Amino acid sequence: MGALTIVAKYLIVANVEVQGTVEKYDIIGALFSQTEGLLGNELDLRELQMNGRIGRIEVETEYKGDKTVGKVYIPSNLDRYETALVAAMIETVDKVGPYNAKVQVV
């Protein structure tokens, strides 16, 4: 896994484990779709990204047998309370495609 250079006030880092083989864009899609509307429009990932309040979501993955494991990086320019809410929100993701998944903020 390579080095990432991300400039932001805060950086949400989460481990992700999927019980199947998926691509990076599948994980990012699950983050957006499963958190949509969860905390209202003001903390919707798409809105936050369009307004520049969170940066580009990066995912590093590797395959271990029939599982996909990796890390998710979400740069945030929100305040620490809003960043904590976004971090908690992404932990609710439990599926990536048809596979069970677990997201845990570190």
PDB file of N, CA and C in Angstrom:
ATOM      1  N   MET A   1       0.838  -1.179   0.000  1.00  0.00           N
ATOM      2  CA  MET A   1       0.000   0.000   0.000  1.00  0.00           C
ATOM      3  C   MET A   1       0.880   1.239   0.000  1.00  0.00           C
ATOM      4  N   GLY A   2       0.552   2.148  -0.898  1.00  0.00           N
ATOM      5  CA  GLY A   2       1.374   3.329  -1.065  1.00  0.00           C
ATOM      6  C   GLY A   2       1.047   4.417  -0.074  1.00  0.00           C
ATOM      7  N   ALA A   3       1.851   5.448  -0.085  1.00  0.00           N
ATOM      8  CA  ALA A   3       1.661   6.582   0.819  1.00  0.00           C
ATOM      9  C   ALA A   3       0.661   7.555   0.212  1.00  0.00           C
ATOM     10  N   LEU A   4      -0.219   8.063   1.045  1.00  0.00           N
ATOM     11  CA  LEU A   4      -1.203   9.048   0.611  1.00  0.00           C
ATOM     12  C   LEU A   4      -0.816  10.413   1.151  1.00  0.00           C
ATOM     13  N   THR A   5      -1.022  11.448   0.354  1.00  0.00           N
ATOM     14  CA  THR A   5      -0.824  12.805   0.824  1.00  0.00           C
ATOM     15  C   THR A   5      -2.179  13.491   0.805  1.00  0.00           C
ATOM     16  N   ILE A   6      -2.711  13.733   1.997  1.00  0.00           N
ATOM     17  CA  ILE A   6      -4.029  14.340   2.121  1.00  0.00           C
ATOM     18  C   ILE A   6      -3.908  15.542   3.048  1.00  0.00           C
ATOM     19  N   VAL A   7      -4.400  16.698   2.575  1.00  0.00           N
ATOM     20  CA  VAL A   7      -4.355  17.904   3.390  1.00  0.00           C
ATOM     21  C   VAL A   7      -5.780  18.239   3.810  1.00  0.00           C
ATOM     22  N   ALA A   8      -6.018  18.208   5.116  1.00  0.00           N
ATOM     23  CA  ALA A   8      -7.333  18.546   5.666  1.00  0.00           C
ATOM     24  C   ALA A   8      -7.176  18.822   7.152  1.00  0.00           C
ATOM     25  N   LYS A   9      -8.213  19.400   7.725  1.00  0.00           N
ATOM     26  CA  LYS A   9      -8.218  19.686   9.151  1.00  0.00           C
ATOM     27  C   LYS A   9      -8.223  18.380   9.955  1.00  0.00           C
ATOM     28  N   TYR A  10      -9.055  17.438   9.536  1.00  0.00           N
ATOM     29  CA  TYR A  10      -9.142  16.123  10.179  1.00  0.00           C
ATOM     30  C   TYR A  10      -9.101  15.045   9.106  1.00  0.00           C
ATOM     31  N   LEU A  11      -8.732  13.846   9.514  1.00  0.00           N
ATOM     32  CA  LEU A  11      -8.719  12.710   8.593  1.00  0.00           C
ATOM     33  C   LEU A  11      -9.393  11.531   9.280  1.00  0.00           C
ATOM     34  N   ILE A  12     -10.510  11.097   8.704  1.00  0.00           N
ATOM     35  CA  ILE A  12     -11.195   9.904   9.200  1.00  0.00           C
ATOM     36  C   ILE A  12     -10.517   8.707   8.542  1.00  0.00           C
ATOM     37  N   VAL A  13     -10.061   7.763   9.357  1.00  0.00           N
ATOM     38  CA  VAL A  13      -9.445   6.543   8.852  1.00  0.00           C
ATOM     39  C   VAL A  13     -10.263   5.373   9.380  1.00  0.00           C
ATOM     40  N   ALA A  14     -10.660   4.482   8.490  1.00  0.00           N
ATOM     41  CA  ALA A  14     -11.477   3.344   8.892  1.00  0.00           C
ATOM     42  C   ALA A  14     -10.963   2.075   8.228  1.00  0.00           C
ATOM     43  N   ASN A  15     -11.013   0.991   8.985  1.00  0.00           N
ATOM     44  CA  ASN A  15     -10.735  -0.323   8.413  1.00  0.00           C
ATOM     45  C   ASN A  15     -12.024  -0.846   7.814  1.00  0.00           C
ATOM     46  N   VAL A  16     -11.905  -1.523   6.687  1.00  0.00           N
ATOM     47  CA  VAL A  16     -13.072  -2.125   6.047  1.00  0.00           C
ATOM     48  C   VAL A  16     -12.756  -3.583   5.746  1.00  0.00           C
ATOM     49  N   GLU A  17     -13.729  -4.442   5.995  1.00  0.00           N
ATOM     50  CA  GLU A  17     -13.603  -5.865   5.687  1.00  0.00           C
ATOM     51  C   GLU A  17     -14.889  -6.314   5.012  1.00  0.00           C
ATOM     52  N   VAL A  18     -14.757  -6.866   3.817  1.00  0.00           N
ATOM     53  CA  VAL A  18     -15.905  -7.309   3.034  1.00  0.00           C
ATOM     54  C   VAL A  18     -15.787  -8.813   2.832  1.00  0.00           C
ATOM     55  N   GLN A  19     -16.882  -9.523   3.024  1.00  0.00           N
ATOM     56  CA  GLN A  19     -16.889 -10.982   2.916  1.00  0.00           C
ATOM     57  C   GLN A  19     -17.014 -11.439   1.464  1.00  0.00           C
ATOM     58  N   GLY A  20     -16.270 -10.818   0.588  1.00  0.00           N
ATOM     59  CA  GLY A  20     -16.255 -11.155  -0.830  1.00  0.00           C
ATOM     60  C   GLY A  20     -15.238 -10.271  -1.521  1.00  0.00           C
ATOM     61  N   THR A  21     -15.013 -10.527  -2.800  1.00  0.00           N
ATOM     62  CA  THR A  21     -14.052  -9.700  -3.528  1.00  0.00           C
ATOM     63  C   THR A  21     -14.802  -8.576  -4.235  1.00  0.00           C
ATOM     64  N   VAL A  22     -14.410  -7.342  -3.906  1.00  0.00           N
ATOM     65  CA  VAL A  22     -15.022  -6.146  -4.486  1.00  0.00           C
ATOM     66  C   VAL A  22     -13.920  -5.175  -4.883  1.00  0.00           C
ATOM     67  N   GLU A  23     -14.287  -4.200  -5.662  1.00  0.00           N
ATOM     68  CA  GLU A  23     -13.350  -3.162  -6.100  1.00  0.00           C
ATOM     69  C   GLU A  23     -13.480  -1.928  -5.204  1.00  0.00           C
ATOM     70  N   LYS A  24     -12.498  -1.044  -5.306  1.00  0.00           N
ATOM     71  CA  LYS A  24     -12.505   0.188  -4.513  1.00  0.00           C
ATOM     72  C   LYS A  24     -13.768   1.001  -4.731  1.00  0.00           C
ATOM     73  N   TYR A  25     -14.173   1.143  -5.987  1.00  0.00           N
ATOM     74  CA  TYR A  25     -15.350   1.954  -6.285  1.00  0.00           C
ATOM     75  C   TYR A  25     -16.628   1.346  -5.698  1.00  0.00           C
ATOM     76  N   ASP A  26     -16.659   0.019  -5.485  1.00  0.00           N
ATOM     77  CA  ASP A  26     -17.814  -0.618  -4.835  1.00  0.00           C
ATOM     78  C   ASP A  26     -17.920  -0.156  -3.380  1.00  0.00           C
ATOM     79  N   ILE A  27     -16.769  -0.053  -2.712  1.00  0.00           N
ATOM     80  CA  ILE A  27     -16.747   0.382  -1.309  1.00  0.00           C
ATOM     81  C   ILE A  27     -17.173   1.841  -1.212  1.00  0.00           C
ATOM     82  N   ILE A  28     -16.636   2.683  -2.086  1.00  0.00           N
ATOM     83  CA  ILE A  28     -17.003   4.103  -2.083  1.00  0.00           C
ATOM     84  C   ILE A  28     -18.495   4.257  -2.374  1.00  0.00           C
ATOM     85  N   GLY A  29     -19.012   3.514  -3.322  1.00  0.00           N
ATOM     86  CA  GLY A  29     -20.434   3.556  -3.653  1.00  0.00           C
ATOM     87  C   GLY A  29     -21.299   3.154  -2.469  1.00  0.00           C
ATOM     88  N   ALA A  30     -20.872   2.136  -1.731  1.00  0.00           N
ATOM     89  CA  ALA A  30     -21.624   1.698  -0.552  1.00  0.00           C
ATOM     90  C   ALA A  30     -21.627   2.782   0.517  1.00  0.00           C
ATOM     91  N   LEU A  31     -20.499   3.466   0.693  1.00  0.00           N
ATOM     92  CA  LEU A  31     -20.445   4.554   1.676  1.00  0.00           C
ATOM     93  C   LEU A  31     -21.452   5.643   1.333  1.00  0.00           C
ATOM     94  N   PHE A  32     -21.502   6.035   0.071  1.00  0.00           N
ATOM     95  CA  PHE A  32     -22.424   7.083  -0.342  1.00  0.00           C
ATOM     96  C   PHE A  32     -23.879   6.618  -0.258  1.00  0.00           C
ATOM     97  N   SER A  33     -24.169   5.440  -0.786  1.00  0.00           N
ATOM     98  CA  SER A  33     -25.568   5.015  -0.871  1.00  0.00           C
ATOM     99  C   SER A  33     -26.157   4.649   0.486  1.00  0.00           C
ATOM    100  N   GLN A  34     -25.400   3.992   1.347  1.00  0.00           N
ATOM    101  CA  GLN A  34     -25.950   3.546   2.626  1.00  0.00           C
ATOM    102  C   GLN A  34     -25.990   4.632   3.698  1.00  0.00           C
ATOM    103  N   THR A  35     -25.309   5.745   3.458  1.00  0.00           N
ATOM    104  CA  THR A  35     -25.355   6.834   4.435  1.00  0.00           C
ATOM    105  C   THR A  35     -26.236   7.983   3.961  1.00  0.00           C
ATOM    106  N   GLU A  36     -26.755   7.877   2.742  1.00  0.00           N
ATOM    107  CA  GLU A  36     -27.561   8.955   2.170  1.00  0.00           C
ATOM    108  C   GLU A  36     -28.788   9.229   3.032  1.00  0.00           C
ATOM    109  N   GLY A  37     -28.948  10.469   3.463  1.00  0.00           N
ATOM    110  CA  GLY A  37     -30.093  10.888   4.247  1.00  0.00           C
ATOM    111  C   GLY A  37     -30.079  10.468   5.704  1.00  0.00           C
ATOM    112  N   LEU A  38     -29.044   9.759   6.125  1.00  0.00           N
ATOM    113  CA  LEU A  38     -28.986   9.242   7.497  1.00  0.00           C
ATOM    114  C   LEU A  38     -28.964  10.349   8.539  1.00  0.00           C
ATOM    115  N   LEU A  39     -28.179  11.390   8.297  1.00  0.00           N
ATOM    116  CA  LEU A  39     -28.081  12.506   9.242  1.00  0.00           C
ATOM    117  C   LEU A  39     -28.585  13.819   8.636  1.00  0.00           C
ATOM    118  N   GLY A  40     -29.467  13.722   7.661  1.00  0.00           N
ATOM    119  CA  GLY A  40     -30.018  14.921   7.031  1.00  0.00           C
ATOM    120  C   GLY A  40     -29.129  15.430   5.909  1.00  0.00           C
ATOM    121  N   ASN A  41     -29.640  16.398   5.179  1.00  0.00           N
ATOM    122  CA  ASN A  41     -28.923  16.941   4.025  1.00  0.00           C
ATOM    123  C   ASN A  41     -27.627  17.645   4.391  1.00  0.00           C
ATOM    124  N   GLU A  42     -27.583  18.269   5.570  1.00  0.00           N
ATOM    125  CA  GLU A  42     -26.383  19.029   5.926  1.00  0.00           C
ATOM    126  C   GLU A  42     -25.176  18.128   6.188  1.00  0.00           C
ATOM    127  N   LEU A  43     -25.386  16.835   6.460  1.00  0.00           N
ATOM    128  CA  LEU A  43     -24.264  15.905   6.643  1.00  0.00           C
ATOM    129  C   LEU A  43     -24.301  14.762   5.632  1.00  0.00           C
ATOM    130  N   ASP A  44     -24.902  15.015   4.470  1.00  0.00           N
ATOM    131  CA  ASP A  44     -24.912  14.036   3.385  1.00  0.00           C
ATOM    132  C   ASP A  44     -23.543  14.058   2.698  1.00  0.00           C
ATOM    133  N   LEU A  45     -22.935  12.898   2.515  1.00  0.00           N
ATOM    134  CA  LEU A  45     -21.575  12.837   1.942  1.00  0.00           C
ATOM    135  C   LEU A  45     -21.477  13.527   0.590  1.00  0.00           C
ATOM    136  N   ARG A  46     -22.481  13.329  -0.280  1.00  0.00           N
ATOM    137  CA  ARG A  46     -22.436  13.973  -1.606  1.00  0.00           C
ATOM    138  C   ARG A  46     -22.435  15.500  -1.475  1.00  0.00           C
ATOM    139  N   GLU A  47     -23.325  16.016  -0.631  1.00  0.00           N
ATOM    140  CA  GLU A  47     -23.396  17.463  -0.421  1.00  0.00           C
ATOM    141  C   GLU A  47     -22.098  18.005   0.175  1.00  0.00           C
ATOM    142  N   LEU A  48     -21.585  17.300   1.176  1.00  0.00           N
ATOM    143  CA  LEU A  48     -20.343  17.740   1.822  1.00  0.00           C
ATOM    144  C   LEU A  48     -19.190  17.767   0.824  1.00  0.00           C
ATOM    145  N   GLN A  49     -19.149  16.771  -0.052  1.00  0.00           N
ATOM    146  CA  GLN A  49     -18.064  16.720  -1.039  1.00  0.00           C
ATOM    147  C   GLN A  49     -18.235  17.816  -2.093  1.00  0.00           C
ATOM    148  N   MET A  50     -19.472  18.045  -2.527  1.00  0.00           N
ATOM    149  CA  MET A  50     -19.719  19.092  -3.528  1.00  0.00           C
ATOM    150  C   MET A  50     -19.380  20.476  -2.972  1.00  0.00           C
ATOM    151  N   ASN A  51     -19.594  20.669  -1.674  1.00  0.00           N
ATOM    152  CA  ASN A  51     -19.308  21.958  -1.039  1.00  0.00           C
ATOM    153  C   ASN A  51     -17.870  22.077  -0.553  1.00  0.00           C
ATOM    154  N   GLY A  52     -17.059  21.047  -0.762  1.00  0.00           N
ATOM    155  CA  GLY A  52     -15.658  21.096  -0.372  1.00  0.00           C
ATOM    156  C   GLY A  52     -15.417  20.917   1.120  1.00  0.00           C
ATOM    157  N   ARG A  53     -16.429  20.453   1.849  1.00  0.00           N
ATOM    158  CA  ARG A  53     -16.266  20.292   3.299  1.00  0.00           C
ATOM    159  C   ARG A  53     -15.612  18.952   3.642  1.00  0.00           C
ATOM    160  N   ILE A  54     -15.737  17.980   2.739  1.00  0.00           N
ATOM    161  CA  ILE A  54     -14.905  16.781   2.832  1.00  0.00           C
ATOM    162  C   ILE A  54     -14.234  16.606   1.482  1.00  0.00           C
ATOM    163  N   GLY A  55     -13.077  15.991   1.514  1.00  0.00           N
ATOM    164  CA  GLY A  55     -12.308  15.815   0.284  1.00  0.00           C
ATOM    165  C   GLY A  55     -12.621  14.499  -0.400  1.00  0.00           C
ATOM    166  N   ARG A  56     -11.783  14.166  -1.326  1.00  0.00           N
ATOM    167  CA  ARG A  56     -11.928  12.929  -2.092  1.00  0.00           C
ATOM    168  C   ARG A  56     -11.726  11.727  -1.173  1.00  0.00           C
ATOM    169  N   ILE A  57     -12.649  10.796  -1.204  1.00  0.00           N
ATOM    170  CA  ILE A  57     -12.548   9.586  -0.398  1.00  0.00           C
ATOM    171  C   ILE A  57     -11.600   8.623  -1.096  1.00  0.00           C
ATOM    172  N   GLU A  58     -10.578   8.198  -0.370  1.00  0.00           N
ATOM    173  CA  GLU A  58      -9.585   7.270  -0.918  1.00  0.00           C
ATOM    174  C   GLU A  58      -9.744   5.913  -0.232  1.00  0.00           C
ATOM    175  N   VAL A  59      -9.543   4.846  -0.995  1.00  0.00           N
ATOM    176  CA  VAL A  59      -9.637   3.494  -0.451  1.00  0.00           C
ATOM    177  C   VAL A  59      -8.416   2.702  -0.902  1.00  0.00           C
ATOM    178  N   GLU A  60      -7.796   2.020   0.048  1.00  0.00           N
ATOM    179  CA  GLU A  60      -6.712   1.079  -0.260  1.00  0.00           C
ATOM    180  C   GLU A  60      -7.249  -0.310   0.052  1.00  0.00           C
ATOM    181  N   THR A  61      -7.112  -1.237  -0.886  1.00  0.00           N
ATOM    182  CA  THR A  61      -7.629  -2.587  -0.654  1.00  0.00           C
ATOM    183  C   THR A  61      -6.591  -3.639  -0.991  1.00  0.00           C
ATOM    184  N   GLU A  62      -6.804  -4.806  -0.397  1.00  0.00           N
ATOM    185  CA  GLU A  62      -6.057  -5.990  -0.779  1.00  0.00           C
ATOM    186  C   GLU A  62      -6.984  -7.180  -0.571  1.00  0.00           C
ATOM    187  N   TYR A  63      -6.676  -8.249  -1.273  1.00  0.00           N
ATOM    188  CA  TYR A  63      -7.507  -9.444  -1.212  1.00  0.00           C
ATOM    189  C   TYR A  63      -6.822 -10.486  -0.352  1.00  0.00           C
ATOM    190  N   LYS A  64      -7.597 -11.056   0.571  1.00  0.00           N
ATOM    191  CA  LYS A  64      -7.099 -12.127   1.437  1.00  0.00           C
ATOM    192  C   LYS A  64      -8.072 -13.288   1.294  1.00  0.00           C
ATOM    193  N   GLY A  65      -7.711 -14.217   0.434  1.00  0.00           N
ATOM    194  CA  GLY A  65      -8.624 -15.319   0.144  1.00  0.00           C
ATOM    195  C   GLY A  65      -9.855 -14.784  -0.561  1.00  0.00           C
ATOM    196  N   ASP A  66     -11.024 -15.075  -0.008  1.00  0.00           N
ATOM    197  CA  ASP A  66     -12.269 -14.593  -0.614  1.00  0.00           C
ATOM    198  C   ASP A  66     -12.777 -13.317   0.042  1.00  0.00           C
ATOM    199  N   LYS A  67     -11.938 -12.624   0.804  1.00  0.00           N
ATOM    200  CA  LYS A  67     -12.303 -11.373   1.467  1.00  0.00           C
ATOM    201  C   LYS A  67     -11.544 -10.203   0.848  1.00  0.00           C
ATOM    202  N   THR A  68     -12.126  -9.037   0.996  1.00  0.00           N
ATOM    203  CA  THR A  68     -11.451  -7.794   0.631  1.00  0.00           C
ATOM    204  C   THR A  68     -11.273  -7.001   1.919  1.00  0.00           C
ATOM    205  N   VAL A  69     -10.047  -6.616   2.206  1.00  0.00           N
ATOM    206  CA  VAL A  69      -9.773  -5.814   3.395  1.00  0.00           C
ATOM    207  C   VAL A  69      -9.026  -4.557   2.968  1.00  0.00           C
ATOM    208  N   GLY A  70      -9.153  -3.521   3.768  1.00  0.00           N
ATOM    209  CA  GLY A  70      -8.438  -2.297   3.422  1.00  0.00           C
ATOM    210  C   GLY A  70      -8.739  -1.173   4.373  1.00  0.00           C
ATOM    211  N   LYS A  71      -8.379   0.025   3.921  1.00  0.00           N
ATOM    212  CA  LYS A  71      -8.571   1.236   4.708  1.00  0.00           C
ATOM    213  C   LYS A  71      -9.283   2.276   3.851  1.00  0.00           C
ATOM    214  N   VAL A  72     -10.117   3.056   4.528  1.00  0.00           N
ATOM    215  CA  VAL A  72     -10.829   4.164   3.901  1.00  0.00           C
ATOM    216  C   VAL A  72     -10.307   5.446   4.537  1.00  0.00           C
ATOM    217  N   TYR A  73     -10.015   6.436   3.703  1.00  0.00           N
ATOM    218  CA  TYR A  73      -9.530   7.733   4.175  1.00  0.00           C
ATOM    219  C   TYR A  73     -10.506   8.819   3.718  1.00  0.00           C
ATOM    220  N   ILE A  74     -11.034   9.569   4.686  1.00  0.00           N
ATOM    221  CA  ILE A  74     -11.958  10.655   4.360  1.00  0.00           C
ATOM    222  C   ILE A  74     -11.417  11.947   4.978  1.00  0.00           C
ATOM    223  N   PRO A  75     -10.846  12.838   4.163  1.00  0.00           N
ATOM    224  CA  PRO A  75     -10.370  14.119   4.682  1.00  0.00           C
ATOM    225  C   PRO A  75     -11.563  15.025   4.984  1.00  0.00           C
ATOM    226  N   SER A  76     -11.507  15.696   6.131  1.00  0.00           N
ATOM    227  CA  SER A  76     -12.629  16.523   6.565  1.00  0.00           C
ATOM    228  C   SER A  76     -12.169  17.919   6.956  1.00  0.00           C
ATOM    229  N   ASN A  77     -12.902  18.902   6.473  1.00  0.00           N
ATOM    230  CA  ASN A  77     -12.708  20.279   6.900  1.00  0.00           C
ATOM    231  C   ASN A  77     -13.890  20.745   7.738  1.00  0.00           C
ATOM    232  N   LEU A  78     -14.657  19.787   8.260  1.00  0.00           N
ATOM    233  CA  LEU A  78     -15.755  20.071   9.171  1.00  0.00           C
ATOM    234  C   LEU A  78     -15.173  20.322  10.558  1.00  0.00           C
ATOM    235  N   ASP A  79     -15.995  20.757  11.512  1.00  0.00           N
ATOM    236  CA  ASP A  79     -15.488  20.858  12.879  1.00  0.00           C
ATOM    237  C   ASP A  79     -15.399  19.447  13.471  1.00  0.00           C
ATOM    238  N   ARG A  80     -14.828  19.327  14.645  1.00  0.00           N
ATOM    239  CA  ARG A  80     -14.559  17.987  15.182  1.00  0.00           C
ATOM    240  C   ARG A  80     -15.834  17.230  15.512  1.00  0.00           C
ATOM    241  N   TYR A  81     -16.912  17.932  15.887  1.00  0.00           N
ATOM    242  CA  TYR A  81     -18.174  17.263  16.199  1.00  0.00           C
ATOM    243  C   TYR A  81     -18.824  16.704  14.936  1.00  0.00           C
ATOM    244  N   GLU A  82     -18.852  17.515  13.891  1.00  0.00           N
ATOM    245  CA  GLU A  82     -19.416  17.049  12.625  1.00  0.00           C
ATOM    246  C   GLU A  82     -18.569  15.926  12.043  1.00  0.00           C
ATOM    247  N   THR A  83     -17.252  16.020  12.181  1.00  0.00           N
ATOM    248  CA  THR A  83     -16.365  14.956  11.701  1.00  0.00           C
ATOM    249  C   THR A  83     -16.646  13.656  12.453  1.00  0.00           C
ATOM    250  N   ALA A  84     -16.861  13.744  13.764  1.00  0.00           N
ATOM    251  CA  ALA A  84     -17.183  12.555  14.562  1.00  0.00           C
ATOM    252  C   ALA A  84     -18.509  11.945  14.121  1.00  0.00           C
ATOM    253  N   LEU A  85     -19.481  12.781  13.785  1.00  0.00           N
ATOM    254  CA  LEU A  85     -20.762  12.271  13.295  1.00  0.00           C
ATOM    255  C   LEU A  85     -20.609  11.553  11.960  1.00  0.00           C
ATOM    256  N   VAL A  86     -19.820  12.122  11.055  1.00  0.00           N
ATOM    257  CA  VAL A  86     -19.577  11.477   9.764  1.00  0.00           C
ATOM    258  C   VAL A  86     -18.855  10.141   9.984  1.00  0.00           C
ATOM    259  N   ALA A  87     -17.891  10.121  10.894  1.00  0.00           N
ATOM    260  CA  ALA A  87     -17.175   8.879  11.197  1.00  0.00           C
ATOM    261  C   ALA A  87     -18.128   7.813  11.724  1.00  0.00           C
ATOM    262  N   ALA A  88     -19.004   8.204  12.636  1.00  0.00           N
ATOM    263  CA  ALA A  88     -19.984   7.251  13.175  1.00  0.00           C
ATOM    264  C   ALA A  88     -20.944   6.793  12.084  1.00  0.00           C
ATOM    265  N   MET A  89     -21.294   7.697  11.202  1.00  0.00           N
ATOM    266  CA  MET A  89     -22.226   7.381  10.120  1.00  0.00           C
ATOM    267  C   MET A  89     -21.656   6.301   9.193  1.00  0.00           C
ATOM    268  N   ILE A  90     -20.369   6.394   8.861  1.00  0.00           N
ATOM    269  CA  ILE A  90     -19.812   5.397   7.937  1.00  0.00           C
ATOM    270  C   ILE A  90     -19.683   4.025   8.586  1.00  0.00           C
ATOM    271  N   GLU A  91     -19.664   3.978   9.926  1.00  0.00           N
ATOM    272  CA  GLU A  91     -19.625   2.681  10.606  1.00  0.00           C
ATOM    273  C   GLU A  91     -20.943   1.923  10.477  1.00  0.00           C
ATOM    274  N   THR A  92     -22.001   2.570  10.014  1.00  0.00           N
ATOM    275  CA  THR A  92     -23.279   1.889   9.834  1.00  0.00           C
ATOM    276  C   THR A  92     -23.321   1.064   8.555  1.00  0.00           C
ATOM    277  N   VAL A  93     -22.356   1.244   7.670  1.00  0.00           N
ATOM    278  CA  VAL A  93     -22.332   0.494   6.405  1.00  0.00           C
ATOM    279  C   VAL A  93     -22.108  -0.980   6.720  1.00  0.00           C
ATOM    280  N   ASP A  94     -23.034  -1.820   6.250  1.00  0.00           N
ATOM    281  CA  ASP A  94     -22.935  -3.247   6.548  1.00  0.00           C
ATOM    282  C   ASP A  94     -22.978  -4.144   5.313  1.00  0.00           C
ATOM    283  N   LYS A  95     -23.056  -3.536   4.135  1.00  0.00           N
ATOM    284  CA  LYS A  95     -23.049  -4.299   2.876  1.00  0.00           C
ATOM    285  C   LYS A  95     -22.222  -3.552   1.839  1.00  0.00           C
ATOM    286  N   VAL A  96     -21.486  -4.299   1.050  1.00  0.00           N
ATOM    287  CA  VAL A  96     -20.839  -3.759  -0.144  1.00  0.00           C
ATOM    288  C   VAL A  96     -21.235  -4.710  -1.257  1.00  0.00           C
ATOM    289  N   GLY A  97     -22.055  -4.215  -2.172  1.00  0.00           N
ATOM    290  CA  GLY A  97     -22.642  -5.101  -3.168  1.00  0.00           C
ATOM    291  C   GLY A  97     -23.478  -6.139  -2.437  1.00  0.00           C
ATOM    292  N   PRO A  98     -23.367  -7.401  -2.820  1.00  0.00           N
ATOM    293  CA  PRO A  98     -24.154  -8.443  -2.143  1.00  0.00           C
ATOM    294  C   PRO A  98     -23.487  -8.989  -0.879  1.00  0.00           C
ATOM    295  N   TYR A  99     -22.317  -8.486  -0.545  1.00  0.00           N
ATOM    296  CA  TYR A  99     -21.525  -9.070   0.541  1.00  0.00           C
ATOM    297  C   TYR A  99     -21.667  -8.300   1.858  1.00  0.00           C
ATOM    298  N   ASN A 100     -21.638  -9.048   2.948  1.00  0.00           N
ATOM    299  CA  ASN A 100     -21.607  -8.435   4.273  1.00  0.00           C
ATOM    300  C   ASN A 100     -20.289  -7.704   4.439  1.00  0.00           C
ATOM    301  N   ALA A 101     -20.340  -6.590   5.152  1.00  0.00           N
ATOM    302  CA  ALA A 101     -19.141  -5.782   5.343  1.00  0.00           C
ATOM    303  C   ALA A 101     -19.129  -5.213   6.753  1.00  0.00           C
ATOM    304  N   LYS A 102     -17.927  -4.846   7.200  1.00  0.00           N
ATOM    305  CA  LYS A 102     -17.774  -4.195   8.492  1.00  0.00           C
ATOM    306  C   LYS A 102     -16.826  -3.018   8.295  1.00  0.00           C
ATOM    307  N   VAL A 103     -17.255  -1.847   8.771  1.00  0.00           N
ATOM    308  CA  VAL A 103     -16.432  -0.649   8.702  1.00  0.00           C
ATOM    309  C   VAL A 103     -16.195  -0.209  10.146  1.00  0.00           C
ATOM    310  N   GLN A 104     -14.932  -0.028  10.495  1.00  0.00           N
ATOM    311  CA  GLN A 104     -14.592   0.377  11.866  1.00  0.00           C
ATOM    312  C   GLN A 104     -13.592   1.521  11.816  1.00  0.00           C
ATOM    313  N   VAL A 105     -13.998   2.658  12.387  1.00  0.00           N
ATOM    314  CA  VAL A 105     -13.137   3.836  12.410  1.00  0.00           C
ATOM    315  C   VAL A 105     -11.995   3.579  13.398  1.00  0.00           C
ATOM    316  N   VAL A 106     -10.786   3.916  12.957  1.00  0.00           N
ATOM    317  CA  VAL A 106      -9.617   3.774  13.828  1.00  0.00           C
ATOM    318  C   VAL A 106      -9.069   5.147  14.155  1.00  0.00           C
TER     319      VAL A 106
END
